[in-house]
């Protein structure tokens, strides 16, 4: 380990992130095909003053390795409990199936939307207690298509 140095920073450029991520992706491709594909579903409203469409919420997700990771789902308070979140989840699931995904997974905090995801057919597969302090973080999954056994193999 001669001439090795370590540097820590809280200011990271995308090009620097790629220096670490790209070799990891290349290593992973020895085992599974790299098929990362992002997805966005936007919810817009017309601005009352200008009449222009304005994004007010939506979904950020990505499919890879046969699964869909739901990174962000946000709707403003006035659009919650209107069925719109469920419509977004239906679109997400339909796109996941189109992409050949066999599951969707998401994480959420105890003060967020665990109940909503469970109503959509998700189940908790992991929990981190006291993160953030006094709360919990939940990891949920929904299997798509055929019934899958514990190893992920269709029965």
Protein backbone atom coordinates (compact mmCIF):
# COMPACT_ATOMS: atom_id res chain seq x y z
CA UNK A 1 0.00 0.00 0.00
CA UNK A 2 2.76 2.42 -0.82
CA UNK A 3 1.79 5.88 -1.99
CA UNK A 4 -1.89 5.40 -1.01
CA UNK A 5 -3.64 8.45 0.40
CA UNK A 6 -7.12 9.02 1.76
CA UNK A 7 -9.10 12.23 1.30
CA UNK A 8 -12.54 12.99 2.75
CA UNK A 9 -14.89 15.67 1.44
CA UNK A 10 -18.54 16.66 1.60
CA UNK A 11 -18.39 18.27 -1.83
CA UNK A 12 -18.45 15.62 -4.56
CA UNK A 13 -18.68 16.13 -8.31
CA UNK A 14 -20.54 13.58 -10.48
CA UNK A 15 -17.26 12.89 -12.30
CA UNK A 16 -15.64 11.98 -8.96
CA UNK A 17 -18.54 9.73 -8.02
CA UNK A 18 -18.10 7.96 -11.36
CA UNK A 19 -14.48 7.14 -10.44
CA UNK A 20 -15.82 4.85 -7.71
CA UNK A 21 -19.14 3.78 -9.23
CA UNK A 22 -17.96 2.84 -12.73
CA UNK A 23 -15.46 0.16 -11.59
CA UNK A 24 -18.10 -1.26 -9.23
CA UNK A 25 -20.63 -1.51 -12.07
CA UNK A 26 -17.98 -3.18 -14.25
CA UNK A 27 -17.29 -5.71 -11.48
CA UNK A 28 -21.02 -6.40 -10.99
CA UNK A 29 -21.44 -7.01 -14.74
CA UNK A 30 -19.32 -10.15 -14.32
CA UNK A 31 -22.30 -11.57 -12.43
CA UNK A 32 -25.41 -9.76 -13.73
CA UNK A 33 -26.15 -7.68 -16.82
CA UNK A 34 -26.17 -3.94 -16.29
CA UNK A 35 -29.62 -2.77 -17.31
CA UNK A 36 -30.02 0.39 -15.22
CA UNK A 37 -32.82 2.54 -16.59
CA UNK A 38 -34.25 5.58 -14.79
CA UNK A 39 -37.94 6.46 -14.65
CA UNK A 40 -39.77 9.66 -13.78
CA UNK A 41 -43.52 10.19 -13.54
CA UNK A 42 -44.43 13.86 -13.19
CA UNK A 43 -47.59 15.34 -11.67
CA UNK A 44 -48.29 18.87 -12.93
CA UNK A 45 -50.83 21.57 -12.26
CA UNK A 46 -51.62 24.72 -14.20
CA UNK A 47 -50.28 27.82 -12.53
CA UNK A 48 -53.27 30.04 -11.65
CA UNK A 49 -51.46 33.21 -12.70
CA UNK A 50 -49.61 32.17 -15.86
CA UNK A 51 -51.55 29.11 -17.00
CA UNK A 52 -48.23 27.30 -17.45
CA UNK A 53 -47.86 23.68 -16.35
CA UNK A 54 -45.85 23.38 -13.14
CA UNK A 55 -44.49 20.12 -11.72
CA UNK A 56 -45.77 19.69 -8.16
CA UNK A 57 -44.91 16.07 -7.45
CA UNK A 58 -44.32 12.65 -8.88
CA UNK A 59 -42.07 9.61 -8.81
CA UNK A 60 -38.33 8.99 -9.26
CA UNK A 61 -37.45 5.33 -9.76
CA UNK A 62 -35.04 3.08 -11.62
CA UNK A 63 -35.08 -0.49 -12.85
CA UNK A 64 -32.03 -2.73 -12.69
CA UNK A 65 -31.20 -6.38 -12.02
CA UNK A 66 -34.84 -7.33 -12.62
CA UNK A 67 -36.23 -5.03 -9.93
CA UNK A 68 -37.64 -1.53 -9.75
CA UNK A 69 -36.39 0.73 -6.95
CA UNK A 70 -38.87 3.47 -6.01
CA UNK A 71 -36.53 6.21 -4.82
CA UNK A 72 -38.99 9.10 -4.32
CA UNK A 73 -42.76 9.51 -4.38
CA UNK A 74 -43.99 12.97 -3.43
CA UNK A 75 -47.37 14.68 -3.60
CA UNK A 76 -48.25 17.99 -1.95
CA UNK A 77 -50.67 17.78 0.99
CA UNK A 78 -53.68 18.95 -1.04
CA UNK A 79 -53.25 16.06 -3.52
CA UNK A 80 -52.83 13.31 -0.90
CA UNK A 81 -55.71 10.91 -0.12
CA UNK A 82 -57.29 11.68 -3.51
CA UNK A 83 -56.33 8.40 -5.22
CA UNK A 84 -53.53 10.10 -7.13
CA UNK A 85 -50.79 8.26 -5.21
CA UNK A 86 -52.44 4.95 -6.06
CA UNK A 87 -52.63 5.98 -9.74
CA UNK A 88 -48.89 6.73 -9.69
CA UNK A 89 -48.19 3.35 -8.11
CA UNK A 90 -50.30 1.57 -10.75
CA UNK A 91 -48.32 3.34 -13.50
CA UNK A 92 -45.05 2.45 -11.78
CA UNK A 93 -46.04 -1.20 -11.45
CA UNK A 94 -47.23 -1.42 -15.07
CA UNK A 95 -43.91 0.04 -16.25
CA UNK A 96 -41.97 -2.32 -13.99
CA UNK A 97 -43.77 -5.28 -15.56
CA UNK A 98 -43.13 -3.87 -19.07
CA UNK A 99 -39.45 -3.70 -18.18
CA UNK A 100 -39.47 -7.32 -17.03
CA UNK A 101 -39.10 -6.57 -13.32
CA UNK A 102 -40.20 -9.21 -10.83
CA UNK A 103 -40.34 -6.84 -7.84
CA UNK A 104 -40.54 -3.25 -6.68
CA UNK A 105 -38.84 -2.11 -3.49
CA UNK A 106 -38.90 1.12 -1.51
CA UNK A 107 -37.79 2.47 1.82
CA UNK A 108 -39.73 4.90 3.99
CA UNK A 109 -39.63 6.35 7.49
CA UNK A 110 -42.17 5.82 10.27
CA UNK A 111 -43.39 9.43 9.80
CA UNK A 112 -43.91 8.90 6.06
CA UNK A 113 -45.92 6.39 4.04
CA UNK A 114 -45.49 2.82 5.33
CA UNK A 115 -49.28 2.31 5.53
CA UNK A 116 -49.77 3.63 2.00
CA UNK A 117 -47.24 1.16 0.57
CA UNK A 118 -48.76 -1.73 2.52
CA UNK A 119 -52.18 -0.84 1.04
CA UNK A 120 -50.50 -1.12 -2.39
CA UNK A 121 -49.44 -4.72 -1.61
CA UNK A 122 -45.94 -4.10 -0.23
CA UNK A 123 -44.61 -5.92 2.82
CA UNK A 124 -41.81 -5.00 5.20
CA UNK A 125 -38.62 -7.03 4.75
CA UNK A 126 -36.34 -4.97 6.98
CA UNK A 127 -36.35 -2.29 9.65
CA UNK A 128 -33.77 0.02 11.18
CA UNK A 129 -35.00 1.09 14.61
CA UNK A 130 -34.10 4.51 16.01
CA UNK A 131 -33.19 5.97 12.60
CA UNK A 132 -33.65 8.84 12.58
CA UNK A 133 -33.52 9.00 16.38
CA UNK A 134 -36.90 8.17 17.85
CA UNK A 135 -38.24 6.93 14.50
CA UNK A 136 -37.77 3.88 12.26
CA UNK A 137 -36.83 3.25 8.65
CA UNK A 138 -38.71 0.50 6.81
CA UNK A 139 -37.73 -1.41 3.69
CA UNK A 140 -40.67 -2.83 1.73
CA UNK A 141 -41.04 -5.07 -1.32
CA UNK A 142 -43.84 -6.03 -3.65
CA UNK A 143 -43.38 -9.12 -5.81
CA UNK A 144 -44.84 -8.88 -9.32
CA UNK A 145 -46.26 -11.56 -11.59
CA UNK A 146 -46.05 -15.22 -10.63
CA UNK A 147 -45.80 -16.33 -7.05
CA UNK A 148 -42.12 -16.51 -6.13
CA UNK A 149 -40.54 -18.77 -3.56
CA UNK A 150 -38.04 -17.61 -0.92
CA UNK A 151 -35.15 -17.94 -3.39
CA UNK A 152 -36.92 -15.74 -5.96
CA UNK A 153 -37.66 -18.72 -8.23
CA UNK A 154 -41.19 -18.94 -9.67
CA UNK A 155 -43.26 -21.75 -8.22
